[in-house]
Amino acid sequence: MRTIIIANGDPPTPADIARHLREGDRLLCADGGARAALRFGLHPARVIGDFDSLTTEELQALEQDGVHLERHPAHKDETDLELALLYAARTDPSGEITILGGLGGRLDQTIANVMLLAMPALRDCRVMIASGDEQSFLIRPGAPFELRGGAGDVVSLIPFGGDAHGIVTDGLEYPLRNESLFIGPARGVSNVMLGDRATISFRQGLLLCVQATQSPATHDTFA
């Protein structure tokens, strides 16, 4: 199953919706992300949060549209997006999840949203934060990861939560040959894809991959 989650950061554009939301996808919204759904005439299966970002009129419009509203108390340990991700993973433990509206606004919220990619509950899911021509996701050690895109795509590999070791890449302009990327230095930023495929493997750590596509309408990393 593919799940699209609209969060309450910078709202997705019509182009974002057209690229990522496909027929048959399950649409969830994290609290204020439902405002974008209403604006685009979308029908989320569920809106999850404490609803402090939605007006009474917006909540009524969602209820009239038959949307399930999953209300949580304002005093909670999780963010609204975290709750939506946990629901998605619980109901489809190995599914594909794309987050729209996950970036922008408060810096702390943006950082926290990216950090959510490392939640243990999402380990068996394929999760991506998409915004415009950029998409961000975690790569875990083990079997080579095939990165799909196009020649000229800008790819940054950033060690996540600690140093990453034994990195081998193929299909990138600046290759890594059993090397390490360390927390602090920015060595892994702004590499370039040479064609429509690249592979990345490593033996230890986590890598945050940020891919800026040159022709976003024509390809998708998780296609």
C-alpha atoms as a PDB file:
ATOM      1  CA  MET A   1       0.000   0.000   0.000  1.00  0.00           C
ATOM      2  CA  ARG A   2       1.122   3.559  -0.695  1.00  0.00           C
ATOM      3  CA  THR A   3       0.280   6.121   1.964  1.00  0.00           C
ATOM      4  CA  ILE A   4       0.539   9.871   1.460  1.00  0.00           C
ATOM      5  CA  ILE A   5       0.671  12.005   4.608  1.00  0.00           C
ATOM      6  CA  ILE A   6       0.157  15.754   4.429  1.00  0.00           C
ATOM      7  CA  ALA A   7       1.833  17.452   7.400  1.00  0.00           C
ATOM      8  CA  ASN A   8       1.469  21.010   8.666  1.00  0.00           C
ATOM      9  CA  GLY A   9       4.683  22.540   7.298  1.00  0.00           C
ATOM     10  CA  ASP A  10       4.926  24.511   4.068  1.00  0.00           C
ATOM     11  CA  PRO A  11       1.860  23.239   2.190  1.00  0.00           C
ATOM     12  CA  PRO A  12       2.325  21.097  -0.901  1.00  0.00           C
ATOM     13  CA  THR A  13       1.833  22.704  -4.291  1.00  0.00           C
ATOM     14  CA  PRO A  14      -0.564  21.442  -6.969  1.00  0.00           C
ATOM     15  CA  ALA A  15       2.510  19.987  -8.710  1.00  0.00           C
ATOM     16  CA  ASP A  16       3.444  18.078  -5.528  1.00  0.00           C
ATOM     17  CA  ILE A  17      -0.057  16.630  -5.307  1.00  0.00           C
ATOM     18  CA  ALA A  18      -0.109  15.691  -8.990  1.00  0.00           C
ATOM     19  CA  ARG A  19       3.260  13.982  -8.793  1.00  0.00           C
ATOM     20  CA  HIS A  20       2.862  12.008  -5.586  1.00  0.00           C
ATOM     21  CA  LEU A  21      -0.839  11.290  -5.035  1.00  0.00           C
ATOM     22  CA  ARG A  22      -2.035   8.459  -7.275  1.00  0.00           C
ATOM     23  CA  GLU A  23      -5.327   6.690  -7.650  1.00  0.00           C
ATOM     24  CA  GLY A  24      -5.674   4.052  -4.944  1.00  0.00           C
ATOM     25  CA  ASP A  25      -3.289   5.733  -2.496  1.00  0.00           C
ATOM     26  CA  ARG A  26      -4.341   6.115   1.117  1.00  0.00           C
ATOM     27  CA  LEU A  27      -4.319   9.775   2.165  1.00  0.00           C
ATOM     28  CA  LEU A  28      -3.734  10.758   5.796  1.00  0.00           C
ATOM     29  CA  CYS A  29      -3.346  14.238   7.240  1.00  0.00           C
ATOM     30  CA  ALA A  30      -1.498  15.332  10.355  1.00  0.00           C
ATOM     31  CA  ASP A  31      -3.673  18.017  11.967  1.00  0.00           C
ATOM     32  CA  GLY A  32      -3.233  21.276   9.992  1.00  0.00           C
ATOM     33  CA  GLY A  33      -2.165  19.330   6.914  1.00  0.00           C
ATOM     34  CA  ALA A  34      -5.885  18.737   6.390  1.00  0.00           C
ATOM     35  CA  ARG A  35      -6.213  22.394   5.383  1.00  0.00           C
ATOM     36  CA  ALA A  36      -4.297  21.635   2.197  1.00  0.00           C
ATOM     37  CA  ALA A  37      -6.518  18.620   1.567  1.00  0.00           C
ATOM     38  CA  LEU A  38      -9.611  20.812   1.831  1.00  0.00           C
ATOM     39  CA  ARG A  39      -8.099  23.409  -0.477  1.00  0.00           C
ATOM     40  CA  PHE A  40      -7.357  20.814  -3.157  1.00  0.00           C
ATOM     41  CA  GLY A  41     -10.713  19.055  -2.772  1.00  0.00           C
ATOM     42  CA  LEU A  42      -9.054  15.862  -1.507  1.00  0.00           C
ATOM     43  CA  HIS A  43     -10.738  13.291   0.721  1.00  0.00           C
ATOM     44  CA  PRO A  44      -8.353  11.985   3.408  1.00  0.00           C
ATOM     45  CA  ALA A  45      -9.162   8.661   4.993  1.00  0.00           C
ATOM     46  CA  ARG A  46      -8.141   9.984   8.394  1.00  0.00           C
ATOM     47  CA  VAL A  47      -6.933  13.180  10.071  1.00  0.00           C
ATOM     48  CA  ILE A  48      -4.776  12.620  13.134  1.00  0.00           C
ATOM     49  CA  GLY A  49      -3.718  15.117  15.795  1.00  0.00           C
ATOM     50  CA  ASP A  50      -4.838  17.346  18.625  1.00  0.00           C
ATOM     51  CA  PHE A  51      -6.531  19.681  16.107  1.00  0.00           C
ATOM     52  CA  ASP A  52      -5.025  22.854  17.501  1.00  0.00           C
ATOM     53  CA  SER A  53      -4.193  23.962  13.934  1.00  0.00           C
ATOM     54  CA  LEU A  54      -7.669  23.569  12.434  1.00  0.00           C
ATOM     55  CA  THR A  55     -10.636  25.889  12.838  1.00  0.00           C
ATOM     56  CA  THR A  56     -14.077  24.732  13.916  1.00  0.00           C
ATOM     57  CA  GLU A  57     -15.314  25.377  10.375  1.00  0.00           C
ATOM     58  CA  GLU A  58     -12.539  23.240   8.870  1.00  0.00           C
ATOM     59  CA  LEU A  59     -13.248  20.378  11.275  1.00  0.00           C
ATOM     60  CA  GLN A  60     -16.945  20.575  10.433  1.00  0.00           C
ATOM     61  CA  ALA A  61     -16.158  20.471   6.708  1.00  0.00           C
ATOM     62  CA  LEU A  62     -14.046  17.355   7.216  1.00  0.00           C
ATOM     63  CA  GLU A  63     -16.766  15.671   9.274  1.00  0.00           C
ATOM     64  CA  GLN A  64     -19.384  16.494   6.643  1.00  0.00           C
ATOM     65  CA  ASP A  65     -17.115  14.886   4.056  1.00  0.00           C
ATOM     66  CA  GLY A  66     -17.085  11.679   6.102  1.00  0.00           C
ATOM     67  CA  VAL A  67     -13.446  11.960   7.177  1.00  0.00           C
ATOM     68  CA  HIS A  68     -12.472  10.025  10.291  1.00  0.00           C
ATOM     69  CA  LEU A  69     -11.066  12.457  12.872  1.00  0.00           C
ATOM     70  CA  GLU A  70      -8.645  10.821  15.313  1.00  0.00           C
ATOM     71  CA  ARG A  71      -8.308  13.339  18.130  1.00  0.00           C
ATOM     72  CA  HIS A  72      -5.420  13.207  20.619  1.00  0.00           C
ATOM     73  CA  PRO A  73      -4.893  15.328  23.741  1.00  0.00           C
ATOM     74  CA  ALA A  74      -2.823  18.489  23.395  1.00  0.00           C
ATOM     75  CA  HIS A  75      -0.530  17.295  26.212  1.00  0.00           C
ATOM     76  CA  LYS A  76       1.175  14.366  24.514  1.00  0.00           C
ATOM     77  CA  ASP A  77       4.700  13.129  23.869  1.00  0.00           C
ATOM     78  CA  GLU A  78       4.368  12.717  20.088  1.00  0.00           C
ATOM     79  CA  THR A  79       3.977  15.303  17.353  1.00  0.00           C
ATOM     80  CA  ASP A  80       0.956  15.048  15.078  1.00  0.00           C
ATOM     81  CA  LEU A  81       3.116  13.848  12.185  1.00  0.00           C
ATOM     82  CA  GLU A  82       4.684  11.220  14.439  1.00  0.00           C
ATOM     83  CA  LEU A  83       1.214   9.917  15.331  1.00  0.00           C
ATOM     84  CA  ALA A  84       0.257   9.770  11.650  1.00  0.00           C
ATOM     85  CA  LEU A  85       3.448   7.864  10.797  1.00  0.00           C
ATOM     86  CA  LEU A  86       2.890   5.406  13.636  1.00  0.00           C
ATOM     87  CA  TYR A  87      -0.656   4.796  12.420  1.00  0.00           C
ATOM     88  CA  ALA A  88       0.560   4.247   8.854  1.00  0.00           C
ATOM     89  CA  ALA A  89       3.246   1.807   9.977  1.00  0.00           C
ATOM     90  CA  ARG A  90       0.905  -0.045  12.336  1.00  0.00           C
ATOM     91  CA  THR A  91      -1.715  -0.588   9.640  1.00  0.00           C
ATOM     92  CA  ASP A  92       0.798  -1.343   6.842  1.00  0.00           C
ATOM     93  CA  PRO A  93       4.137  -2.411   8.414  1.00  0.00           C
ATOM     94  CA  SER A  94       6.057  -2.719   5.131  1.00  0.00           C
ATOM     95  CA  GLY A  95       4.343  -0.068   3.060  1.00  0.00           C
ATOM     96  CA  GLU A  96       5.551   3.001   1.212  1.00  0.00           C
ATOM     97  CA  ILE A  97       4.972   6.395   2.847  1.00  0.00           C
ATOM     98  CA  THR A  98       5.451   9.812   1.277  1.00  0.00           C
ATOM     99  CA  ILE A  99       5.272  12.892   3.495  1.00  0.00           C
ATOM    100  CA  LEU A 100       4.200  16.190   1.925  1.00  0.00           C
ATOM    101  CA  GLY A 101       4.305  19.435   3.876  1.00  0.00           C
ATOM    102  CA  GLY A 102       6.964  18.048   6.212  1.00  0.00           C
ATOM    103  CA  LEU A 103       9.446  20.900   5.799  1.00  0.00           C
ATOM    104  CA  GLY A 104       9.371  24.649   6.357  1.00  0.00           C
ATOM    105  CA  GLY A 105       7.984  26.788   9.122  1.00  0.00           C
ATOM    106  CA  ARG A 106       9.689  26.321  12.489  1.00  0.00           C
ATOM    107  CA  LEU A 107      13.250  25.004  12.279  1.00  0.00           C
ATOM    108  CA  ASP A 108      12.794  22.737  15.298  1.00  0.00           C
ATOM    109  CA  GLN A 109       9.743  21.121  13.727  1.00  0.00           C
ATOM    110  CA  THR A 110      11.571  20.629  10.425  1.00  0.00           C
ATOM    111  CA  ILE A 111      14.532  18.963  12.136  1.00  0.00           C
ATOM    112  CA  ALA A 112      12.219  16.804  14.252  1.00  0.00           C
ATOM    113  CA  ASN A 113      10.260  15.742  11.151  1.00  0.00           C
ATOM    114  CA  VAL A 114      13.451  14.589   9.425  1.00  0.00           C
ATOM    115  CA  MET A 115      14.522  12.758  12.577  1.00  0.00           C
ATOM    116  CA  LEU A 116      11.245  10.816  12.503  1.00  0.00           C
ATOM    117  CA  LEU A 117      12.606   8.882   9.517  1.00  0.00           C
ATOM    118  CA  ALA A 118      14.747   6.897  11.962  1.00  0.00           C
ATOM    119  CA  MET A 119      11.855   5.718  14.165  1.00  0.00           C
ATOM    120  CA  PRO A 120      12.129   1.964  14.808  1.00  0.00           C
ATOM    121  CA  ALA A 121       8.476   1.529  13.814  1.00  0.00           C
ATOM    122  CA  LEU A 122       9.365   2.652  10.272  1.00  0.00           C
ATOM    123  CA  ARG A 123      12.305   0.308   9.797  1.00  0.00           C
ATOM    124  CA  ASP A 124      10.482  -1.961   7.335  1.00  0.00           C
ATOM    125  CA  CYS A 125       8.705   0.877   5.514  1.00  0.00           C
ATOM    126  CA  ARG A 126       9.997   3.015   2.665  1.00  0.00           C
ATOM    127  CA  VAL A 127       9.516   6.578   3.874  1.00  0.00           C
ATOM    128  CA  MET A 128      10.274   9.753   1.964  1.00  0.00           C
ATOM    129  CA  ILE A 129       9.819  13.454   2.675  1.00  0.00           C
ATOM    130  CA  ALA A 130       9.032  15.191  -0.609  1.00  0.00           C
ATOM    131  CA  SER A 131       9.043  18.928  -1.262  1.00  0.00           C
ATOM    132  CA  GLY A 132       9.162  20.402  -4.730  1.00  0.00           C
ATOM    133  CA  ASP A 133      12.039  18.830  -6.650  1.00  0.00           C
ATOM    134  CA  GLU A 134      13.656  17.427  -3.486  1.00  0.00           C
ATOM    135  CA  GLN A 135      13.083  14.129  -1.738  1.00  0.00           C
ATOM    136  CA  SER A 136      14.762  12.937   1.458  1.00  0.00           C
ATOM    137  CA  PHE A 137      14.940   9.436   2.893  1.00  0.00           C
ATOM    138  CA  LEU A 138      17.151   7.172   5.005  1.00  0.00           C
ATOM    139  CA  ILE A 139      19.387   4.467   3.600  1.00  0.00           C
ATOM    140  CA  ARG A 140      20.295   1.619   5.939  1.00  0.00           C
ATOM    141  CA  PRO A 141      23.409  -0.593   5.792  1.00  0.00           C
ATOM    142  CA  GLY A 142      23.398  -3.921   4.019  1.00  0.00           C
ATOM    143  CA  ALA A 143      22.358  -4.691   0.465  1.00  0.00           C
ATOM    144  CA  PRO A 144      23.110  -2.009  -2.148  1.00  0.00           C
ATOM    145  CA  PHE A 145      20.402   0.638  -2.470  1.00  0.00           C
ATOM    146  CA  GLU A 146      19.457   1.545  -6.046  1.00  0.00           C
ATOM    147  CA  LEU A 147      18.840   5.253  -6.429  1.00  0.00           C
ATOM    148  CA  ARG A 148      16.605   6.152  -9.366  1.00  0.00           C
ATOM    149  CA  GLY A 149      16.639   9.526 -11.029  1.00  0.00           C
ATOM    150  CA  GLY A 150      18.284  11.233 -13.949  1.00  0.00           C
ATOM    151  CA  ALA A 151      21.653  12.524 -15.052  1.00  0.00           C
ATOM    152  CA  GLY A 152      22.393  15.781 -13.276  1.00  0.00           C
ATOM    153  CA  ASP A 153      20.319  15.070 -10.186  1.00  0.00           C
ATOM    154  CA  VAL A 154      22.082  16.471  -7.120  1.00  0.00           C
ATOM    155  CA  VAL A 155      22.522  13.846  -4.398  1.00  0.00           C
ATOM    156  CA  SER A 156      23.743  14.496  -0.867  1.00  0.00           C
ATOM    157  CA  LEU A 157      24.659  11.693   1.528  1.00  0.00           C
ATOM    158  CA  ILE A 158      24.701  12.868   5.137  1.00  0.00           C
ATOM    159  CA  PRO A 159      25.646  10.621   8.079  1.00  0.00           C
ATOM    160  CA  PHE A 160      22.637  10.390  10.354  1.00  0.00           C
ATOM    161  CA  GLY A 161      22.943   9.873  14.094  1.00  0.00           C
ATOM    162  CA  GLY A 162      26.634   8.919  13.896  1.00  0.00           C
ATOM    163  CA  ASP A 163      29.459   8.235  11.478  1.00  0.00           C
ATOM    164  CA  ALA A 164      28.824   5.934   8.499  1.00  0.00           C
ATOM    165  CA  HIS A 165      31.524   3.489   7.361  1.00  0.00           C
ATOM    166  CA  GLY A 166      32.360   1.283   4.416  1.00  0.00           C
ATOM    167  CA  ILE A 167      30.471   3.413   1.896  1.00  0.00           C
ATOM    168  CA  VAL A 168      30.676   2.341  -1.752  1.00  0.00           C
ATOM    169  CA  THR A 169      28.889   4.260  -4.503  1.00  0.00           C
ATOM    170  CA  ASP A 170      28.528   3.701  -8.229  1.00  0.00           C
ATOM    171  CA  GLY A 171      26.988   6.081 -10.737  1.00  0.00           C
ATOM    172  CA  LEU A 172      27.881   9.298  -8.900  1.00  0.00           C
ATOM    173  CA  GLU A 173      30.349  11.894 -10.142  1.00  0.00           C
ATOM    174  CA  TYR A 174      32.393  11.773  -6.929  1.00  0.00           C
ATOM    175  CA  PRO A 175      32.581   8.079  -5.971  1.00  0.00           C
ATOM    176  CA  LEU A 176      33.197   6.660  -2.541  1.00  0.00           C
ATOM    177  CA  ARG A 177      35.272   3.484  -2.377  1.00  0.00           C
ATOM    178  CA  ASN A 178      34.855   1.780   0.995  1.00  0.00           C
ATOM    179  CA  GLU A 179      35.117   5.146   2.746  1.00  0.00           C
ATOM    180  CA  SER A 180      33.553   6.894   5.732  1.00  0.00           C
ATOM    181  CA  LEU A 181      31.431   9.991   6.160  1.00  0.00           C
ATOM    182  CA  PHE A 182      31.720  11.624   9.556  1.00  0.00           C
ATOM    183  CA  ILE A 183      29.343  13.739  11.613  1.00  0.00           C
ATOM    184  CA  GLY A 184      30.400  17.379  11.183  1.00  0.00           C
ATOM    185  CA  PRO A 185      32.224  17.675   7.848  1.00  0.00           C
ATOM    186  CA  ALA A 186      30.077  18.233   4.755  1.00  0.00           C
ATOM    187  CA  ARG A 187      31.953  15.953   2.381  1.00  0.00           C
ATOM    188  CA  GLY A 188      28.873  14.043   1.216  1.00  0.00           C
ATOM    189  CA  VAL A 189      26.934  17.123   0.077  1.00  0.00           C
ATOM    190  CA  SER A 190      26.205  17.965  -3.591  1.00  0.00           C
ATOM    191  CA  ASN A 191      27.247  14.875  -5.510  1.00  0.00           C
ATOM    192  CA  VAL A 192      25.775  14.376  -8.998  1.00  0.00           C
ATOM    193  CA  MET A 193      24.132  11.410 -10.716  1.00  0.00           C
ATOM    194  CA  LEU A 194      25.775  10.404 -14.000  1.00  0.00           C
ATOM    195  CA  GLY A 195      22.741   8.549 -15.368  1.00  0.00           C
ATOM    196  CA  ASP A 196      19.318   7.306 -14.342  1.00  0.00           C
ATOM    197  CA  ARG A 197      20.642   4.818 -11.755  1.00  0.00           C
ATOM    198  CA  ALA A 198      23.178   4.902  -8.946  1.00  0.00           C
ATOM    199  CA  THR A 199      23.931   2.411  -6.169  1.00  0.00           C
ATOM    200  CA  ILE A 200      24.918   3.075  -2.576  1.00  0.00           C
ATOM    201  CA  SER A 201      26.015   0.497  -0.022  1.00  0.00           C
ATOM    202  CA  PHE A 202      27.755   0.645   3.347  1.00  0.00           C
ATOM    203  CA  ARG A 203      28.353  -1.587   6.318  1.00  0.00           C
ATOM    204  CA  GLN A 204      27.674   0.630   9.362  1.00  0.00           C
ATOM    205  CA  GLY A 205      25.582   3.659  10.306  1.00  0.00           C
ATOM    206  CA  LEU A 206      22.719   5.470   8.613  1.00  0.00           C
ATOM    207  CA  LEU A 207      22.742   7.847   5.653  1.00  0.00           C
ATOM    208  CA  LEU A 208      20.243  10.595   4.971  1.00  0.00           C
ATOM    209  CA  CYS A 209      19.941  10.890   1.202  1.00  0.00           C
ATOM    210  CA  VAL A 210      18.641  14.188  -0.203  1.00  0.00           C
ATOM    211  CA  GLN A 211      17.999  14.039  -3.945  1.00  0.00           C
ATOM    212  CA  ALA A 212      17.166  17.136  -5.984  1.00  0.00           C
ATOM    213  CA  THR A 213      15.719  15.967  -9.282  1.00  0.00           C
ATOM    214  CA  GLN A 214      16.215  17.935 -12.464  1.00  0.00           C
ATOM    215  CA  SER A 215      13.000  16.728 -14.113  1.00  0.00           C
ATOM    216  CA  PRO A 216      10.699  15.752 -11.232  1.00  0.00           C
ATOM    217  CA  ALA A 217       7.714  15.008 -13.423  1.00  0.00           C
ATOM    218  CA  THR A 218       9.502  12.138 -15.136  1.00  0.00           C
ATOM    219  CA  HIS A 219      10.871   9.947 -12.355  1.00  0.00           C
ATOM    220  CA  ASP A 220      10.448   8.976  -8.737  1.00  0.00           C
ATOM    221  CA  THR A 221      13.036   7.405  -6.449  1.00  0.00           C
ATOM    222  CA  PHE A 222      10.558   4.811  -5.148  1.00  0.00           C
ATOM    223  CA  ALA A 223       8.790   4.230  -8.466  1.00  0.00           C
END
